[in-house]
């Protein structure tokens, strides 16, 4: 006898053997018992949840020869039940719509509708993957579907109910099958393994049930693979190797390091994971699953996992949600990334970059500006009054910083604005402790003038005005550096000597000098002359002074 896969060998033969679709089975059994049968049934749901199986069992119930009326459970002993199971019953026509999509196929199928069944109660048409039919085929089916002869029954199954025309759906009794819970898949797998006398451990069953994602058939297919991989045994290590998963403890260690803002520790934990030669996408899915469990426990207090409880107490719920979104976004773009390992590493780096403010940080200083935060320890925290926020003048777009006069010791080594010009302003700007984004924005602004404690900068016409938050951080940094009350006015016009432009010119000049120095080298010159080559600018490394 040839080998049969578990999904076919143990395909349910009665309603009682179907797993996880009690609401559908109850509706069908009641309709049979009360003799209230519809002329067409539409079974919809994801793959592997029992659409075609239930339709076949239902067909056996309708034509079972055990009694004079349809049976709520088929006997599986009469000729009708055996022939329907074998797929050779003359009055049970099972059609694959994916291979017979044309209108001619539908017309040929419906030619026999008018003839009464010879050896059965009903002539039953089972159309699988009905959404694959063409528009013309659906139109050809409509009239017969709405008013079929009393001896005809249509059973249709589809995984994409939204592709079936509304005109067809309105003529059918729709039965939507649900995905199967993990616990029921796990119990079913355990039952089959006991029948097959195969040794297993509970961790293996949990892994397979989780990977099945609500599909019984997917679970049994994975079970076949796991049995073959383990040479007739089911061990969690072999199943993990097959599925590309890892022990959750590795992920817990990684998340703990991220929660502690320990970049080195996170890198070491991630390195342990990569040494296991697992699928990086699967690692990311496990990370998302852990965040999901932690978030649920923070709300419901329902987890029995000690590691999940510790993470729930350690990490703020808002940070959990942020990390979850970061991981989910990384997963959505995973397949377009050229290097899966880099995609996973970058996801962890993003999590490390977005961490909550520490308790000792001043509320007016953002954590991203670490240098500025550290200097607030030596400068009075009341230097800028928190109760007097930066205000914008309605006439001149002017922003003021109200401050108390600092002690001389606080600013004796600071820059001065006296006699400020463009060159000195560029020097002061480059010494300010600004976040990367604020520095990039204001580096495009050119110094115009400074008078009466009013700093005037100029931006090009195509640049938009910076937001209030950016201006606030910029002025706070100036106040901290100079110890002097100032206001800011931004004009529009042509920019020719902003800090960014000056820095770019200096970099270009340095590049030209380096290139000239190379061209003066006889060895380099001979190579270029011999091969007709040239020096590529990007190949010249910048030497730090």
Protein backbone atom coordinates (compact mmCIF):
# COMPACT_ATOMS: atom_id res chain seq x y z
CA UNK A 1 0.00 0.00 0.00
CA UNK A 2 1.42 3.38 -1.00
CA UNK A 3 2.23 6.01 1.63
CA UNK A 4 -0.40 8.66 2.31
CA UNK A 5 0.30 12.02 3.88
CA UNK A 6 -1.42 12.61 7.21
CA UNK A 7 -3.74 15.29 5.82
CA UNK A 8 -5.26 12.74 3.39
CA UNK A 9 -4.98 9.66 5.57
CA UNK A 10 -6.93 11.26 8.38
CA UNK A 11 -9.31 13.45 6.38
CA UNK A 12 -12.58 13.66 8.39
CA UNK A 13 -15.25 11.24 7.18
CA UNK A 14 -18.00 12.51 9.49
CA UNK A 15 -19.00 15.82 11.02
CA UNK A 16 -17.82 14.65 14.45
CA UNK A 17 -14.25 14.31 13.14
CA UNK A 18 -14.08 17.89 11.84
CA UNK A 19 -11.97 20.15 14.09
CA UNK A 20 -12.92 23.66 15.15
CA UNK A 21 -15.95 24.46 12.95
CA UNK A 22 -18.78 23.72 15.36
CA UNK A 23 -20.87 26.71 14.25
CA UNK A 24 -20.91 25.45 10.64
CA UNK A 25 -21.61 21.85 11.58
CA UNK A 26 -24.52 22.82 13.82
CA UNK A 27 -26.13 24.80 11.01
CA UNK A 28 -25.80 21.92 8.54
CA UNK A 29 -27.02 19.26 10.98
CA UNK A 30 -30.06 21.36 11.96
CA UNK A 31 -30.96 22.00 8.33
CA UNK A 32 -30.82 18.24 7.63
CA UNK A 33 -32.82 17.24 10.70
CA UNK A 34 -35.57 19.78 10.01
CA UNK A 35 -35.49 19.19 6.24
CA UNK A 36 -34.79 22.85 5.51
CA UNK A 37 -32.12 22.52 2.85
CA UNK A 38 -30.96 25.42 0.72
CA UNK A 39 -30.37 25.02 -3.02
CA UNK A 40 -26.81 26.44 -2.83
CA UNK A 41 -24.17 26.66 -0.09
CA UNK A 42 -21.05 28.86 -0.16
CA UNK A 43 -18.18 27.71 2.10
CA UNK A 44 -15.52 30.40 2.57
CA UNK A 45 -12.38 30.64 4.68
CA UNK A 46 -8.60 30.50 4.56
CA UNK A 47 -6.70 27.47 3.29
CA UNK A 48 -6.77 24.23 5.18
CA UNK A 49 -9.70 24.85 7.55
CA UNK A 50 -12.08 22.25 6.11
CA UNK A 51 -14.17 23.84 3.33
CA UNK A 52 -13.97 21.01 0.81
CA UNK A 53 -13.96 18.33 3.52
CA UNK A 54 -17.20 19.62 5.08
CA UNK A 55 -18.78 19.88 1.63
CA UNK A 56 -17.95 16.24 0.88
CA UNK A 57 -19.27 15.04 4.24
CA UNK A 58 -22.43 17.09 3.65
CA UNK A 59 -22.84 15.45 0.23
CA UNK A 60 -22.58 12.00 1.86
CA UNK A 61 -25.20 13.02 4.43
CA UNK A 62 -27.62 14.08 1.68
CA UNK A 63 -27.28 10.89 -0.37
CA UNK A 64 -26.62 8.35 2.42
CA UNK A 65 -28.65 5.20 1.81
CA UNK A 66 -28.91 4.23 5.47
CA UNK A 67 -32.41 5.70 5.71
CA UNK A 68 -35.17 7.12 3.57
CA UNK A 69 -34.17 10.73 4.39
CA UNK A 70 -30.85 12.57 4.56
CA UNK A 71 -28.77 11.68 7.61
CA UNK A 72 -27.11 14.12 10.04
CA UNK A 73 -24.09 11.77 10.04
CA UNK A 74 -23.12 9.59 7.04
CA UNK A 75 -22.82 5.86 7.64
CA UNK A 76 -19.69 5.56 5.43
CA UNK A 77 -20.77 1.98 4.70
CA UNK A 78 -23.36 2.26 1.94
CA UNK A 79 -22.40 2.43 -1.72
CA UNK A 80 -23.22 6.14 -1.97
CA UNK A 81 -20.90 7.10 0.93
CA UNK A 82 -18.09 4.91 -0.37
CA UNK A 83 -18.40 6.19 -3.95
CA UNK A 84 -18.52 9.87 -2.87
CA UNK A 85 -15.44 9.29 -0.71
CA UNK A 86 -13.65 7.70 -3.67
CA UNK A 87 -14.81 10.49 -5.99
CA UNK A 88 -16.65 8.24 -8.46
CA UNK A 89 -20.30 8.72 -7.54
CA UNK A 90 -22.24 9.39 -10.75
CA UNK A 91 -24.49 12.01 -9.13
CA UNK A 92 -21.71 13.83 -7.25
CA UNK A 93 -19.76 16.08 -9.62
CA UNK A 94 -16.70 17.75 -8.10
CA UNK A 95 -15.25 20.48 -10.30
CA UNK A 96 -12.02 22.45 -9.91
CA UNK A 97 -12.94 25.95 -11.06
CA UNK A 98 -9.28 26.88 -11.39
CA UNK A 99 -8.87 24.45 -14.32
CA UNK A 100 -12.35 24.87 -15.83
CA UNK A 101 -12.88 28.62 -15.87
CA UNK A 102 -14.43 29.07 -19.31
CA UNK A 103 -18.11 29.58 -20.09
CA UNK A 104 -18.11 26.49 -22.32
CA UNK A 105 -17.02 24.35 -19.37
CA UNK A 106 -19.87 25.75 -17.30
CA UNK A 107 -22.43 25.12 -20.04
CA UNK A 108 -21.23 21.54 -20.39
CA UNK A 109 -21.50 21.08 -16.64
CA UNK A 110 -25.05 22.42 -16.49
CA UNK A 111 -26.37 20.33 -19.39
CA UNK A 112 -27.19 17.45 -17.04
CA UNK A 113 -28.99 19.60 -14.45
CA UNK A 114 -32.45 18.87 -15.85
CA UNK A 115 -32.08 15.09 -15.52
CA UNK A 116 -33.12 13.49 -12.25
CA UNK A 117 -30.50 11.44 -10.36
CA UNK A 118 -30.60 7.74 -11.18
CA UNK A 119 -29.44 6.26 -7.85
CA UNK A 120 -29.46 9.12 -5.33
CA UNK A 121 -31.71 11.73 -3.75
CA UNK A 122 -29.78 14.72 -5.07
CA UNK A 123 -27.55 15.57 -7.96
CA UNK A 124 -24.78 17.49 -6.18
CA UNK A 125 -22.34 19.88 -7.83
CA UNK A 126 -19.25 20.74 -5.76
CA UNK A 127 -17.35 23.68 -7.31
CA UNK A 128 -14.01 24.22 -5.57
CA UNK A 129 -12.21 27.60 -5.71
CA UNK A 130 -15.31 29.07 -7.32
CA UNK A 131 -13.82 32.58 -7.35
CA UNK A 132 -11.60 31.46 -10.26
CA UNK A 133 -14.56 31.24 -12.67
CA UNK A 134 -14.73 33.85 -15.40
CA UNK A 135 -17.39 36.53 -15.49
CA UNK A 136 -19.16 34.73 -18.33
CA UNK A 137 -19.15 31.47 -16.36
CA UNK A 138 -20.75 33.18 -13.38
CA UNK A 139 -23.40 34.69 -15.64
CA UNK A 140 -24.13 31.28 -17.15
CA UNK A 141 -24.53 29.84 -13.65
CA UNK A 142 -26.83 32.55 -12.29
CA UNK A 143 -30.22 31.41 -13.60
CA UNK A 144 -29.71 27.77 -12.69
CA UNK A 145 -28.34 28.78 -9.29
CA UNK A 146 -31.40 30.87 -8.49
CA UNK A 147 -34.05 28.39 -9.59
CA UNK A 148 -32.51 24.93 -9.77
CA UNK A 149 -34.65 21.78 -10.04
CA UNK A 150 -35.60 20.31 -6.62
CA UNK A 151 -33.19 17.41 -7.09
CA UNK A 152 -30.11 19.65 -7.61
CA UNK A 153 -27.79 20.97 -4.89
CA UNK A 154 -24.82 23.35 -5.41
CA UNK A 155 -21.90 23.35 -2.95
CA UNK A 156 -19.21 25.97 -3.57
CA UNK A 157 -15.93 26.62 -1.77
CA UNK A 158 -13.61 29.63 -1.99
CA UNK A 159 -10.66 31.17 -0.20
CA UNK A 160 -11.39 34.63 -1.66
CA UNK A 161 -15.04 35.37 -1.07
CA UNK A 162 -14.58 39.01 -2.10
CA UNK A 163 -13.91 37.91 -5.70
CA UNK A 164 -17.26 36.16 -6.02
CA UNK A 165 -19.91 38.42 -7.63
CA UNK A 166 -22.60 39.75 -5.32
CA UNK A 167 -25.23 38.32 -7.68
CA UNK A 168 -23.92 34.82 -6.93
CA UNK A 169 -23.53 35.37 -3.20
CA UNK A 170 -27.10 36.59 -2.88
CA UNK A 171 -28.33 33.22 -4.20
CA UNK A 172 -26.28 31.16 -1.74
CA UNK A 173 -26.36 30.36 1.95
CA UNK A 174 -22.96 31.66 3.09
CA UNK A 175 -21.01 29.67 5.68
CA UNK A 176 -17.80 31.36 6.81
CA UNK A 177 -15.26 28.98 8.33
CA UNK A 178 -12.98 30.29 11.09
CA UNK A 179 -9.27 29.71 11.56
CA UNK A 180 -8.52 26.90 14.02
CA UNK A 181 -7.21 27.88 17.50
CA UNK A 182 -3.68 26.73 18.31
CA UNK A 183 -4.85 24.62 21.22
CA UNK A 184 -7.22 22.62 19.00
CA UNK A 185 -4.53 22.11 16.36
CA UNK A 186 -2.15 20.95 19.07
CA UNK A 187 -4.72 18.51 20.50
CA UNK A 188 -5.49 17.14 17.03
CA UNK A 189 -1.80 16.61 16.25
CA UNK A 190 -1.32 14.86 19.59
CA UNK A 191 -4.28 12.57 18.81
CA UNK A 192 -2.86 11.60 15.41
CA UNK A 193 0.63 10.99 16.79
CA UNK A 194 -0.83 8.65 19.38
CA UNK A 195 -2.63 6.78 16.60
CA UNK A 196 0.63 6.52 14.65
CA UNK A 197 2.59 5.51 17.79
CA UNK A 198 5.15 8.27 17.22
CA UNK A 199 7.14 9.66 20.16
CA UNK A 200 6.95 13.42 20.69
CA UNK A 201 7.40 16.19 23.25
CA UNK A 202 4.94 18.97 24.03
CA UNK A 203 7.30 21.75 22.86
CA UNK A 204 7.33 20.24 19.37
CA UNK A 205 3.54 20.21 19.23
CA UNK A 206 3.38 23.84 20.36
CA UNK A 207 5.89 24.92 17.71
CA UNK A 208 4.04 23.16 14.89
CA UNK A 209 0.63 24.41 16.04
CA UNK A 210 1.94 27.97 16.19
CA UNK A 211 3.51 27.74 12.72
CA UNK A 212 0.28 26.34 11.25
CA UNK A 213 -1.34 29.78 11.70
CA UNK A 214 -4.86 28.44 12.09
CA UNK A 215 -4.76 25.87 9.28
CA UNK A 216 -5.18 22.18 10.10
CA UNK A 217 -3.75 21.12 6.74
CA UNK A 218 -0.69 23.34 7.16
CA UNK A 219 -0.17 21.86 10.61
CA UNK A 220 -0.34 18.29 9.30
CA UNK A 221 2.00 19.14 6.42
CA UNK A 222 4.53 20.55 8.88
CA UNK A 223 4.02 17.46 11.03
CA UNK A 224 4.93 15.22 8.07
CA UNK A 225 8.08 17.29 7.50
CA UNK A 226 9.01 17.19 11.20
CA UNK A 227 8.57 13.39 11.36
CA UNK A 228 10.78 12.95 8.30
CA UNK A 229 13.36 15.41 9.67
CA UNK A 230 13.46 13.64 13.03
CA UNK A 231 13.60 10.15 11.48
CA UNK A 232 10.28 9.11 12.97
CA UNK A 233 10.59 11.09 16.21
CA UNK A 234 9.50 14.57 17.24
CA UNK A 235 12.06 16.51 19.27
CA UNK A 236 11.87 20.25 19.88
CA UNK A 237 15.47 20.88 18.75
CA UNK A 238 14.84 19.16 15.42
CA UNK A 239 11.53 20.99 14.95
CA UNK A 240 13.19 24.35 15.70
CA UNK A 241 15.88 23.59 13.14
CA UNK A 242 13.21 22.66 10.60
CA UNK A 243 11.08 25.75 11.19
CA UNK A 244 14.02 28.13 11.53
CA UNK A 245 12.97 29.19 15.03
CA UNK A 246 15.04 29.55 18.19
CA UNK A 247 14.51 29.30 21.90
CA UNK A 248 12.60 32.30 23.23
CA UNK A 249 15.28 32.85 25.90
CA UNK A 250 17.63 34.28 23.25
CA UNK A 251 14.99 36.82 22.24
CA UNK A 252 14.26 37.68 25.89
CA UNK A 253 17.94 38.38 26.50
CA UNK A 254 18.08 40.62 23.42
CA UNK A 255 15.00 42.60 24.46
CA UNK A 256 16.35 43.01 27.99
CA UNK A 257 19.54 44.54 26.62
CA UNK A 258 17.53 46.89 24.41
CA UNK A 259 15.38 47.89 27.39
CA UNK A 260 18.56 48.72 29.36
CA UNK A 261 19.86 50.83 26.42
CA UNK A 262 22.91 48.57 26.38
CA UNK A 263 24.11 48.68 22.79
CA UNK A 264 27.09 46.37 23.38
CA UNK A 265 24.93 43.87 25.23
CA UNK A 266 22.29 43.94 22.49
CA UNK A 267 24.97 43.35 19.85
CA UNK A 268 26.34 40.35 21.76
CA UNK A 269 22.84 38.92 22.23
CA UNK A 270 22.08 39.38 18.54
CA UNK A 271 25.41 37.78 17.65
CA UNK A 272 24.45 34.68 19.69
CA UNK A 273 21.25 34.45 17.67
CA UNK A 274 22.98 34.80 14.29
CA UNK A 275 25.46 32.06 15.24
CA UNK A 276 22.53 29.61 15.34
CA UNK A 277 22.05 29.98 11.55
CA UNK A 278 18.36 30.75 11.88
CA UNK A 279 16.13 32.64 9.47
CA UNK A 280 16.35 36.32 10.32
CA UNK A 281 12.77 36.93 9.29
CA UNK A 282 11.64 34.27 11.73
CA UNK A 283 13.67 35.96 14.49
CA UNK A 284 11.87 39.23 13.77
CA UNK A 285 8.51 37.47 13.96
CA UNK A 286 9.41 36.00 17.35
CA UNK A 287 10.42 39.48 18.58
CA UNK A 288 7.02 40.81 17.48
CA UNK A 289 5.31 37.89 19.21
CA UNK A 290 7.16 38.61 22.47
CA UNK A 291 6.15 42.29 22.36
CA UNK A 292 2.57 41.18 21.76
CA UNK A 293 2.63 38.88 24.80
CA UNK A 294 4.21 41.58 26.97
CA UNK A 295 1.65 44.16 25.89
CA UNK A 296 -1.23 41.77 26.60
CA UNK A 297 0.14 40.97 30.04
CA UNK A 298 0.47 44.66 30.89
CA UNK A 299 -3.24 45.07 30.23
CA UNK A 300 -4.71 41.72 31.31
CA UNK A 301 -2.12 40.24 33.70
CA UNK A 302 -2.80 36.86 32.09
CA UNK A 303 0.67 35.47 31.29
CA UNK A 304 2.19 32.57 33.19
CA UNK A 305 5.62 33.07 31.59
CA UNK A 306 8.08 34.51 34.12
CA UNK A 307 10.20 36.21 31.44
CA UNK A 308 7.16 37.93 29.95
CA UNK A 309 6.11 39.17 33.41
CA UNK A 310 9.58 40.62 34.06
CA UNK A 311 9.61 42.44 30.72
CA UNK A 312 6.11 43.78 31.37
CA UNK A 313 7.32 45.27 34.68
CA UNK A 314 10.58 46.55 33.21
CA UNK A 315 9.44 48.33 30.04
CA UNK A 316 6.96 51.17 29.83
CA UNK A 317 3.81 50.27 27.82
CA UNK A 318 4.38 53.19 25.45
CA UNK A 319 7.91 51.97 24.69
CA UNK A 320 6.55 48.46 24.08
CA UNK A 321 4.13 49.90 21.53
CA UNK A 322 6.93 51.90 19.89
CA UNK A 323 9.22 48.87 19.64
CA UNK A 324 6.33 46.80 18.31
CA UNK A 325 5.73 49.35 15.53
CA UNK A 326 9.45 49.46 14.71
CA UNK A 327 9.62 45.66 14.44
CA UNK A 328 6.39 45.48 12.44
CA UNK A 329 7.63 48.16 10.03
CA UNK A 330 10.92 46.29 9.61
CA UNK A 331 9.04 43.06 8.85
CA UNK A 332 6.87 44.75 6.21
CA UNK A 333 10.02 45.89 4.36
CA UNK A 334 12.06 42.77 5.07
CA UNK A 335 11.73 41.20 1.62
CA UNK A 336 12.95 44.33 -0.20
CA UNK A 337 16.13 44.58 1.86
CA UNK A 338 19.17 43.12 0.05
CA UNK A 339 20.69 41.73 3.26
CA UNK A 340 18.29 40.10 5.79
CA UNK A 341 20.86 40.21 8.60
CA UNK A 342 21.35 43.95 8.13
CA UNK A 343 17.59 44.46 8.17
CA UNK A 344 17.38 42.74 11.56
CA UNK A 345 20.38 44.66 12.92
CA UNK A 346 18.95 47.98 11.79
CA UNK A 347 15.64 47.15 13.49
CA UNK A 348 17.47 46.61 16.80
CA UNK A 349 19.44 49.85 16.31
CA UNK A 350 16.19 51.76 15.82
CA UNK A 351 14.88 50.35 19.09
CA UNK A 352 18.07 51.44 20.86
CA UNK A 353 17.76 54.91 19.33
CA UNK A 354 14.24 55.45 20.72
CA UNK A 355 14.42 55.10 24.49
CA UNK A 356 12.59 56.99 27.29
CA UNK A 357 14.11 59.99 29.03
CA UNK A 358 16.04 59.15 32.18
CA UNK A 359 14.77 60.50 35.47
CA UNK A 360 17.80 62.70 36.02
CA UNK A 361 17.51 64.54 32.73
CA UNK A 362 16.26 68.11 32.83
CA UNK A 363 12.78 68.35 31.31
CA UNK A 364 13.77 71.07 28.87
CA UNK A 365 16.63 69.04 27.39
CA UNK A 366 15.95 66.23 24.93
CA UNK A 367 17.79 62.98 25.44
CA UNK A 368 19.07 62.97 21.87
CA UNK A 369 21.18 66.04 22.76
CA UNK A 370 23.40 64.16 25.19
CA UNK A 371 26.22 66.69 25.20
CA UNK A 372 23.85 69.53 25.98
CA UNK A 373 22.23 67.49 28.75
CA UNK A 374 25.58 66.79 30.39
CA UNK A 375 26.52 70.47 30.42
CA UNK A 376 23.38 71.39 32.30
CA UNK A 377 25.02 69.91 35.38
CA UNK A 378 27.52 72.78 35.50
CA UNK A 379 25.07 75.48 34.40
CA UNK A 380 22.13 76.51 36.57
CA UNK A 381 18.95 74.74 35.60
CA UNK A 382 16.98 77.97 36.14
CA UNK A 383 19.01 79.71 33.47
CA UNK A 384 15.95 79.57 31.20
CA UNK A 385 12.64 79.93 32.99
CA UNK A 386 10.37 77.01 32.35
CA UNK A 387 7.27 79.06 33.02
CA UNK A 388 8.16 81.55 30.28
CA UNK A 389 8.16 79.60 26.98
CA UNK A 390 9.62 80.95 23.77
CA UNK A 391 7.23 83.34 22.11
CA UNK A 392 6.99 84.47 18.53
CA UNK A 393 6.35 88.14 17.81
CA UNK A 394 3.46 88.51 15.35
CA UNK A 395 5.19 91.28 13.40
CA UNK A 396 8.79 90.23 13.00
CA UNK A 397 8.60 86.44 13.50
CA UNK A 398 10.89 87.03 16.46
CA UNK A 399 11.54 84.49 19.20
CA UNK A 400 12.77 85.51 22.65
CA UNK A 401 14.52 83.55 25.35
CA UNK A 402 13.93 84.94 28.85
CA UNK A 403 16.77 84.11 31.20
CA UNK A 404 18.26 85.02 34.51
CA UNK A 405 21.71 86.62 34.48
CA UNK A 406 24.22 83.84 35.01
CA UNK A 407 27.16 84.13 37.29
CA UNK A 408 30.43 85.22 35.78
CA UNK A 409 31.95 81.82 36.49
CA UNK A 410 29.28 80.21 34.32
CA UNK A 411 30.17 82.17 31.20
CA UNK A 412 33.71 83.43 31.67
CA UNK A 413 34.99 80.98 29.04
CA UNK A 414 32.04 81.38 26.66
CA UNK A 415 32.02 83.13 23.30
CA UNK A 416 30.93 86.73 23.04
CA UNK A 417 28.58 88.31 20.52
CA UNK A 418 30.41 91.63 20.59
CA UNK A 419 31.56 92.53 17.09
CA UNK A 420 29.94 89.42 15.67
CA UNK A 421 30.41 88.90 11.94
CA UNK A 422 29.78 86.11 9.47
CA UNK A 423 33.06 84.29 10.08
CA UNK A 424 32.82 84.40 13.88
CA UNK A 425 29.18 83.32 13.72
CA UNK A 426 30.12 80.24 11.70
CA UNK A 427 32.70 79.42 14.36
CA UNK A 428 30.17 79.84 17.17
CA UNK A 429 27.55 77.79 15.29
CA UNK A 430 29.92 74.86 14.83
CA UNK A 431 30.58 74.82 18.60
CA UNK A 432 26.89 74.67 19.59
CA UNK A 433 25.53 71.46 21.13
CA UNK A 434 22.66 70.75 18.73
CA UNK A 435 20.89 67.58 17.74
CA UNK A 436 21.74 66.34 14.28
CA UNK A 437 18.46 67.44 12.74
CA UNK A 438 18.49 70.96 14.25
CA UNK A 439 22.13 71.40 13.27
CA UNK A 440 21.35 70.37 9.70
CA UNK A 441 18.43 72.81 9.44
CA UNK A 442 20.19 75.92 10.83
CA UNK A 443 23.48 75.18 9.06
CA UNK A 444 21.68 76.26 5.87
CA UNK A 445 20.98 79.73 7.37
CA UNK A 446 23.42 82.59 6.75
CA UNK A 447 24.39 85.21 9.34
CA UNK A 448 23.08 88.71 8.52
CA UNK A 449 23.54 90.84 11.60
CA UNK A 450 23.47 91.06 15.35
CA UNK A 451 22.27 94.23 17.06
CA UNK A 452 20.30 95.03 20.21
CA UNK A 453 20.50 91.38 21.25
CA UNK A 454 18.70 90.43 18.05
CA UNK A 455 20.27 87.74 15.84
CA UNK A 456 19.17 87.94 12.22
CA UNK A 457 19.68 84.93 9.94
CA UNK A 458 18.81 84.45 6.29
CA UNK A 459 17.47 81.35 4.56
CA UNK A 460 17.00 80.62 0.86
CA UNK A 461 13.53 81.04 -0.61
CA UNK A 462 13.00 77.32 -1.22
CA UNK A 463 13.51 76.41 2.43
CA UNK A 464 10.52 76.49 4.76
CA UNK A 465 10.59 78.15 8.17
CA UNK A 466 11.74 75.85 10.99
CA UNK A 467 9.14 74.70 13.49
CA UNK A 468 8.79 76.19 16.96
CA UNK A 469 10.40 73.10 18.48
CA UNK A 470 13.50 73.47 16.30
CA UNK A 471 13.78 77.18 17.08
CA UNK A 472 13.43 76.49 20.78
CA UNK A 473 16.28 73.99 20.84
CA UNK A 474 18.44 76.27 18.72
CA UNK A 475 17.97 79.28 21.03
CA UNK A 476 18.45 77.19 24.15
CA UNK A 477 21.80 76.00 22.82
CA UNK A 478 22.87 79.60 22.06
CA UNK A 479 21.77 80.78 25.50
CA UNK A 480 23.68 77.95 27.16
CA UNK A 481 26.81 78.73 25.13
CA UNK A 482 26.80 82.52 25.30
CA UNK A 483 25.03 83.24 28.56
CA UNK A 484 23.22 86.16 26.96
CA UNK A 485 19.64 87.10 26.24
CA UNK A 486 18.95 87.09 22.51
CA UNK A 487 16.07 86.99 20.05
CA UNK A 488 15.90 85.50 16.56
CA UNK A 489 14.67 86.91 13.26
CA UNK A 490 14.67 84.83 10.06
CA UNK A 491 14.67 86.50 6.65
CA UNK A 492 14.50 85.05 3.13
CA UNK A 493 16.93 85.72 0.30
CA UNK A 494 20.03 84.42 -1.46
CA UNK A 495 22.38 82.44 0.78
CA UNK A 496 26.06 82.36 -0.18
CA UNK A 497 28.02 81.80 3.04
CA UNK A 498 26.00 79.68 5.47
CA UNK A 499 27.92 77.32 7.78
CA UNK A 500 26.95 74.42 5.51
CA UNK A 501 28.18 76.21 2.38
CA UNK A 502 31.42 77.24 4.07
CA UNK A 503 32.02 73.72 5.33
CA UNK A 504 31.35 72.29 1.88
CA UNK A 505 33.77 74.77 0.30
CA UNK A 506 36.43 73.91 2.86
CA UNK A 507 35.93 70.20 2.20
CA UNK A 508 36.18 70.77 -1.54
CA UNK A 509 39.34 72.85 -1.14
CA UNK A 510 40.88 70.15 1.04
CA UNK A 511 39.93 67.54 -1.56
CA UNK A 512 41.54 69.59 -4.32
CA UNK A 513 44.71 69.97 -2.26
CA UNK A 514 44.87 66.24 -1.63
CA UNK A 515 44.32 65.55 -5.31
CA UNK A 516 47.07 68.01 -6.31
CA UNK A 517 49.42 66.37 -3.85
CA UNK A 518 48.71 62.96 -5.40
CA UNK A 519 49.24 64.27 -8.92
CA UNK A 520 52.66 65.58 -7.91
CA UNK A 521 53.69 62.09 -6.87
CA UNK A 522 55.76 60.63 -9.70
CA UNK A 523 54.63 57.04 -9.12
CA UNK A 524 50.98 57.99 -9.21
CA UNK A 525 51.51 60.22 -12.24
CA UNK A 526 53.25 57.41 -14.18
CA UNK A 527 50.39 54.99 -13.42
CA UNK A 528 47.78 57.48 -14.59
CA UNK A 529 49.73 58.26 -17.78
CA UNK A 530 50.34 54.59 -18.57
CA UNK A 531 46.73 53.51 -18.23
CA UNK A 532 44.97 56.74 -19.15
CA UNK A 533 43.42 56.79 -15.70
CA UNK A 534 42.10 59.49 -13.42
CA UNK A 535 41.66 60.01 -9.72
CA UNK A 536 38.12 59.54 -8.44
CA UNK A 537 37.21 62.11 -5.80
CA UNK A 538 35.35 59.61 -3.63
CA UNK A 539 38.46 57.42 -3.40
CA UNK A 540 40.44 60.14 -1.58
CA UNK A 541 40.01 59.61 2.12
CA UNK A 542 39.68 62.61 4.39
CA UNK A 543 42.51 62.77 6.92
CA UNK A 544 41.44 64.09 10.31
CA UNK A 545 43.69 66.78 11.66
